[in-house]
Amino acid sequence: MANYSDVLTALGDPTRRTIFERIAARPSAVGELAVGLPVSRPAVSQHLKVLKEAGLVVDRSEGSRRIYRLEPDGVGALRDYLDRFWNRALAGFKASVEKKSRGD
């Protein structure tokens, strides 16, 4: 997996997030992913390249098409990264509630 900065940059673009979400719903080819997007198929391919370099998707050949699917290890690593912030937020919330219940 690429570094977290690359992953966050990859998902920072709204079109890439849409493509990522579509792949999360179902592995797809470029043509399927491009339907309804405000960009061309070659642009979708470029977005997929960024997602692939970030370690979030992988592709395989199926006849004359390339099918893209989520890369579980990359998505898992991203989740681990985000969980650190979630755990810190929960710990801060817990400390705040405990402080208020003690009357501090």
C-alpha atoms as a PDB file:
ATOM      1  CA  MET A   1       0.000   0.000   0.000  1.00  0.00           C
ATOM      2  CA  ALA A   2       1.157   3.514  -0.713  1.00  0.00           C
ATOM      3  CA  ASN A   3       1.546   5.944   2.150  1.00  0.00           C
ATOM      4  CA  TYR A   4      -1.495   7.411   3.858  1.00  0.00           C
ATOM      5  CA  SER A   5      -0.970  10.773   2.229  1.00  0.00           C
ATOM      6  CA  ASP A   6      -1.364   9.126  -1.196  1.00  0.00           C
ATOM      7  CA  VAL A   7      -4.499   7.319  -0.038  1.00  0.00           C
ATOM      8  CA  LEU A   8      -6.089  10.450   1.381  1.00  0.00           C
ATOM      9  CA  THR A   9      -5.161  12.399  -1.743  1.00  0.00           C
ATOM     10  CA  ALA A  10      -6.655   9.660  -3.920  1.00  0.00           C
ATOM     11  CA  LEU A  11      -9.947   9.802  -2.029  1.00  0.00           C
ATOM     12  CA  GLY A  12      -9.927  13.601  -1.839  1.00  0.00           C
ATOM     13  CA  ASP A  13     -11.246  13.922  -5.375  1.00  0.00           C
ATOM     14  CA  PRO A  14     -15.061  13.611  -5.603  1.00  0.00           C
ATOM     15  CA  THR A  15     -14.979  11.691  -8.895  1.00  0.00           C
ATOM     16  CA  ARG A  16     -12.433   9.215  -7.517  1.00  0.00           C
ATOM     17  CA  ARG A  17     -14.557   8.749  -4.389  1.00  0.00           C
ATOM     18  CA  THR A  18     -17.561   7.968  -6.596  1.00  0.00           C
ATOM     19  CA  ILE A  19     -15.518   5.450  -8.592  1.00  0.00           C
ATOM     20  CA  PHE A  20     -14.187   3.919  -5.350  1.00  0.00           C
ATOM     21  CA  GLU A  21     -17.735   3.625  -3.960  1.00  0.00           C
ATOM     22  CA  ARG A  22     -18.990   2.020  -7.178  1.00  0.00           C
ATOM     23  CA  ILE A  23     -16.177  -0.541  -7.056  1.00  0.00           C
ATOM     24  CA  ALA A  24     -16.974  -1.188  -3.382  1.00  0.00           C
ATOM     25  CA  ALA A  25     -20.530  -2.019  -4.411  1.00  0.00           C
ATOM     26  CA  ARG A  26     -19.441  -4.269  -7.283  1.00  0.00           C
ATOM     27  CA  PRO A  27     -16.254  -5.049  -9.223  1.00  0.00           C
ATOM     28  CA  SER A  28     -16.539  -3.269 -12.564  1.00  0.00           C
ATOM     29  CA  ALA A  29     -14.882  -2.438 -15.857  1.00  0.00           C
ATOM     30  CA  VAL A  30     -13.977   1.112 -16.903  1.00  0.00           C
ATOM     31  CA  GLY A  31     -16.982   1.445 -19.193  1.00  0.00           C
ATOM     32  CA  GLU A  32     -19.391   0.484 -16.418  1.00  0.00           C
ATOM     33  CA  LEU A  33     -17.735   2.878 -14.000  1.00  0.00           C
ATOM     34  CA  ALA A  34     -17.872   5.751 -16.502  1.00  0.00           C
ATOM     35  CA  VAL A  35     -21.660   5.610 -16.933  1.00  0.00           C
ATOM     36  CA  GLY A  36     -23.199   8.775 -15.546  1.00  0.00           C
ATOM     37  CA  LEU A  37     -19.903  10.396 -14.586  1.00  0.00           C
ATOM     38  CA  PRO A  38     -19.038  13.880 -15.847  1.00  0.00           C
ATOM     39  CA  VAL A  39     -15.707  12.613 -17.232  1.00  0.00           C
ATOM     40  CA  SER A  40     -14.581  10.502 -20.185  1.00  0.00           C
ATOM     41  CA  ARG A  41     -13.595   6.840 -20.073  1.00  0.00           C
ATOM     42  CA  PRO A  42      -9.893   7.774 -20.420  1.00  0.00           C
ATOM     43  CA  ALA A  43     -10.328  10.093 -17.420  1.00  0.00           C
ATOM     44  CA  VAL A  44     -11.905   7.237 -15.441  1.00  0.00           C
ATOM     45  CA  SER A  45      -8.869   5.125 -16.363  1.00  0.00           C
ATOM     46  CA  GLN A  46      -6.592   7.844 -14.979  1.00  0.00           C
ATOM     47  CA  HIS A  47      -8.600   7.964 -11.752  1.00  0.00           C
ATOM     48  CA  LEU A  48      -8.335   4.176 -11.488  1.00  0.00           C
ATOM     49  CA  LYS A  49      -4.570   4.441 -11.930  1.00  0.00           C
ATOM     50  CA  VAL A  50      -4.390   6.802  -8.940  1.00  0.00           C
ATOM     51  CA  LEU A  51      -6.560   4.483  -6.839  1.00  0.00           C
ATOM     52  CA  LYS A  52      -4.407   1.523  -7.870  1.00  0.00           C
ATOM     53  CA  GLU A  53      -1.155   3.342  -7.028  1.00  0.00           C
ATOM     54  CA  ALA A  54      -2.643   4.204  -3.633  1.00  0.00           C
ATOM     55  CA  GLY A  55      -3.244   0.486  -3.051  1.00  0.00           C
ATOM     56  CA  LEU A  56      -7.024   0.783  -2.868  1.00  0.00           C
ATOM     57  CA  VAL A  57      -7.989  -1.164  -6.003  1.00  0.00           C
ATOM     58  CA  VAL A  58      -6.571  -3.985  -8.089  1.00  0.00           C
ATOM     59  CA  ASP A  59      -7.479  -5.157 -11.556  1.00  0.00           C
ATOM     60  CA  ARG A  60      -7.576  -8.414 -13.460  1.00  0.00           C
ATOM     61  CA  SER A  61      -8.018  -9.260 -17.073  1.00  0.00           C
ATOM     62  CA  GLU A  62     -11.353 -10.720 -18.144  1.00  0.00           C
ATOM     63  CA  GLY A  63     -11.376 -11.206 -21.880  1.00  0.00           C
ATOM     64  CA  SER A  64     -10.644  -7.832 -23.457  1.00  0.00           C
ATOM     65  CA  ARG A  65     -11.659  -5.895 -20.326  1.00  0.00           C
ATOM     66  CA  ARG A  66      -9.976  -5.079 -17.053  1.00  0.00           C
ATOM     67  CA  ILE A  67     -12.164  -5.580 -13.998  1.00  0.00           C
ATOM     68  CA  TYR A  68     -11.406  -3.424 -10.978  1.00  0.00           C
ATOM     69  CA  ARG A  69     -12.156  -4.455  -7.408  1.00  0.00           C
ATOM     70  CA  LEU A  70     -11.206  -3.209  -3.968  1.00  0.00           C
ATOM     71  CA  GLU A  71      -7.859  -4.264  -2.576  1.00  0.00           C
ATOM     72  CA  PRO A  72      -8.776  -5.640   0.882  1.00  0.00           C
ATOM     73  CA  ASP A  73      -5.309  -5.048   2.341  1.00  0.00           C
ATOM     74  CA  GLY A  74      -5.268  -1.425   1.216  1.00  0.00           C
ATOM     75  CA  VAL A  75      -8.772  -0.750   2.478  1.00  0.00           C
ATOM     76  CA  GLY A  76      -7.920  -2.512   5.758  1.00  0.00           C
ATOM     77  CA  ALA A  77      -4.810  -0.395   6.226  1.00  0.00           C
ATOM     78  CA  LEU A  78      -6.839   2.750   5.563  1.00  0.00           C
ATOM     79  CA  ARG A  79      -9.390   1.646   8.135  1.00  0.00           C
ATOM     80  CA  ASP A  80      -6.630   0.998  10.690  1.00  0.00           C
ATOM     81  CA  TYR A  81      -5.304   4.492  10.076  1.00  0.00           C
ATOM     82  CA  LEU A  82      -8.728   6.096  10.504  1.00  0.00           C
ATOM     83  CA  ASP A  83      -9.497   3.936  13.566  1.00  0.00           C
ATOM     84  CA  ARG A  84      -6.611   5.591  15.393  1.00  0.00           C
ATOM     85  CA  PHE A  85      -8.434   8.920  15.123  1.00  0.00           C
ATOM     86  CA  TRP A  86     -11.757   7.359  16.030  1.00  0.00           C
ATOM     87  CA  ASN A  87     -10.247   5.744  19.137  1.00  0.00           C
ATOM     88  CA  ARG A  88      -8.688   9.060  20.176  1.00  0.00           C
ATOM     89  CA  ALA A  89     -12.018  10.836  19.691  1.00  0.00           C
ATOM     90  CA  LEU A  90     -13.836   8.215  21.778  1.00  0.00           C
ATOM     91  CA  ALA A  91     -11.204   8.411  24.531  1.00  0.00           C
ATOM     92  CA  GLY A  92     -11.549  12.205  24.596  1.00  0.00           C
ATOM     93  CA  PHE A  93     -15.332  11.943  24.766  1.00  0.00           C
ATOM     94  CA  LYS A  94     -15.108   9.397  27.586  1.00  0.00           C
ATOM     95  CA  ALA A  95     -12.724  11.623  29.560  1.00  0.00           C
ATOM     96  CA  SER A  96     -15.038  14.606  29.097  1.00  0.00           C
ATOM     97  CA  VAL A  97     -18.096  12.671  30.282  1.00  0.00           C
ATOM     98  CA  GLU A  98     -16.215  11.275  33.287  1.00  0.00           C
ATOM     99  CA  LYS A  99     -14.940  14.741  34.195  1.00  0.00           C
ATOM    100  CA  LYS A 100     -18.478  16.174  34.074  1.00  0.00           C
ATOM    101  CA  SER A 101     -19.889  13.296  36.153  1.00  0.00           C
ATOM    102  CA  ARG A 102     -17.280  13.964  38.864  1.00  0.00           C
ATOM    103  CA  GLY A 103     -18.237  17.634  38.820  1.00  0.00           C
ATOM    104  CA  ASP A 104     -14.753  18.811  37.731  1.00  0.00           C
END
